Protein backbone atom coordinates (compact mmCIF):
# COMPACT_ATOMS: atom_id res chain seq x y z
CA UNK A 1 -50.00 -55.81 21.55
CA UNK A 2 -51.54 -53.03 19.47
CA UNK A 3 -52.81 -53.67 15.93
CA UNK A 4 -52.24 -50.42 14.31
CA UNK A 5 -51.81 -51.62 10.85
CA UNK A 6 -49.80 -49.53 8.41
CA UNK A 7 -48.11 -46.29 9.50
CA UNK A 8 -49.13 -43.52 7.04
CA UNK A 9 -47.18 -40.59 8.60
CA UNK A 10 -44.98 -39.76 11.68
CA UNK A 11 -42.95 -37.08 13.41
CA UNK A 12 -40.35 -37.15 16.26
CA UNK A 13 -40.29 -34.12 18.57
CA UNK A 14 -39.54 -33.11 22.25
CA UNK A 15 -42.62 -32.23 24.32
CA UNK A 16 -42.81 -29.40 26.84
CA UNK A 17 -41.00 -31.60 29.38
CA UNK A 18 -38.21 -32.23 26.83
CA UNK A 19 -39.16 -35.86 26.44
CA UNK A 20 -38.71 -37.16 22.94
CA UNK A 21 -41.91 -38.51 21.52
CA UNK A 22 -42.71 -40.56 18.34
CA UNK A 23 -46.18 -39.66 17.09
CA UNK A 24 -47.64 -41.59 14.14
CA UNK A 25 -50.88 -42.09 12.39
CA UNK A 26 -52.16 -45.16 10.60
CA UNK A 27 -54.52 -46.02 7.84
CA UNK A 28 -57.42 -46.60 10.35
CA UNK A 29 -57.51 -42.90 11.43
CA UNK A 30 -55.70 -43.33 14.75
CA UNK A 31 -52.85 -41.21 16.22
CA UNK A 32 -50.43 -42.82 18.60
CA UNK A 33 -48.00 -41.33 21.03
CA UNK A 34 -44.83 -43.23 22.11
CA UNK A 35 -41.98 -42.10 24.33
CA UNK A 36 -38.42 -42.61 22.97
CA UNK A 37 -36.10 -44.36 23.11
CA UNK A 38 -38.01 -47.48 24.17
CA UNK A 39 -41.24 -46.71 22.31
CA UNK A 40 -43.32 -46.83 25.59
CA UNK A 41 -46.98 -46.34 24.71
CA UNK A 42 -48.49 -43.16 26.09
CA UNK A 43 -51.77 -42.30 24.27
CA UNK A 44 -54.03 -43.21 21.31
CA UNK A 45 -56.56 -40.86 19.76
CA UNK A 46 -59.19 -41.77 17.14
CA UNK A 47 -59.10 -38.77 14.80
CA UNK A 48 -60.42 -39.83 11.45
CA UNK A 49 -62.29 -43.20 11.77
CA UNK A 50 -61.60 -45.64 8.84
CA UNK A 51 -59.61 -43.00 6.84
CA UNK A 52 -55.75 -42.72 6.77
CA UNK A 53 -53.98 -39.99 8.61
CA UNK A 54 -52.08 -37.93 6.00
CA UNK A 55 -50.44 -35.18 8.08
CA UNK A 56 -49.14 -34.73 11.53
CA UNK A 57 -47.35 -31.44 12.52
CA UNK A 58 -46.23 -29.97 15.89
CA UNK A 59 -46.63 -26.30 16.51
CA UNK A 60 -43.37 -24.33 17.10
CA UNK A 61 -44.14 -24.00 20.94
CA UNK A 62 -44.85 -27.80 21.11
CA UNK A 63 -48.26 -27.18 22.72
CA UNK A 64 -50.39 -28.47 19.81
CA UNK A 65 -50.26 -31.28 17.43
CA UNK A 66 -52.14 -30.83 14.19
CA UNK A 67 -53.34 -33.85 12.26
CA UNK A 68 -55.36 -34.31 9.12
CA UNK A 69 -57.03 -37.38 7.46
CA UNK A 70 -58.17 -38.39 4.10
CA UNK A 71 -61.68 -37.84 5.25
CA UNK A 72 -61.20 -34.16 5.10
CA UNK A 73 -61.36 -33.76 8.88
CA UNK A 74 -58.53 -32.37 10.96
CA UNK A 75 -57.89 -32.22 14.68
CA UNK A 76 -55.74 -30.32 17.20
CA UNK A 77 -54.33 -32.17 20.10
CA UNK A 78 -53.18 -30.22 23.17
CA UNK A 79 -50.57 -31.13 25.74
CA UNK A 80 -52.40 -31.61 28.96
CA UNK A 81 -49.38 -30.29 30.96
CA UNK A 82 -50.07 -26.81 29.60
CA UNK A 83 -53.11 -26.42 31.75
CA UNK A 84 -55.46 -26.89 28.71
CA UNK A 85 -58.10 -29.57 28.61
CA UNK A 86 -56.80 -32.69 26.81
CA UNK A 87 -59.07 -33.22 23.83
CA UNK A 88 -59.27 -34.01 20.10
CA UNK A 89 -61.58 -31.54 18.43
CA UNK A 90 -62.65 -32.77 15.00
CA UNK A 91 -63.64 -30.05 12.56
CA UNK A 92 -65.08 -30.72 9.08
CA UNK A 93 -62.55 -30.00 6.39
CA UNK A 94 -65.16 -27.83 4.40
CA UNK A 95 -64.97 -25.22 7.36
CA UNK A 96 -61.28 -24.60 6.94
């Protein structure tokens, strides 16, 4: 069982394979992906260690997830099914 703590933000969207996903962040700085309707666990990313996730947005074409935390960092998560490398690239908020 996962110990994710408090959910700080969430979205529901259909990925490129038209699968409904529930994506949420917690106060520990983690992003979780779960497949609906049964909330099957898919992935977890550590985006902003020890800082709450404040924002999660999906790009219009559903290829990217943008997430930002209270630490001032943000990350872009890509869908590995698009042929891009699956990664979370943290960028300091001061560079935005």
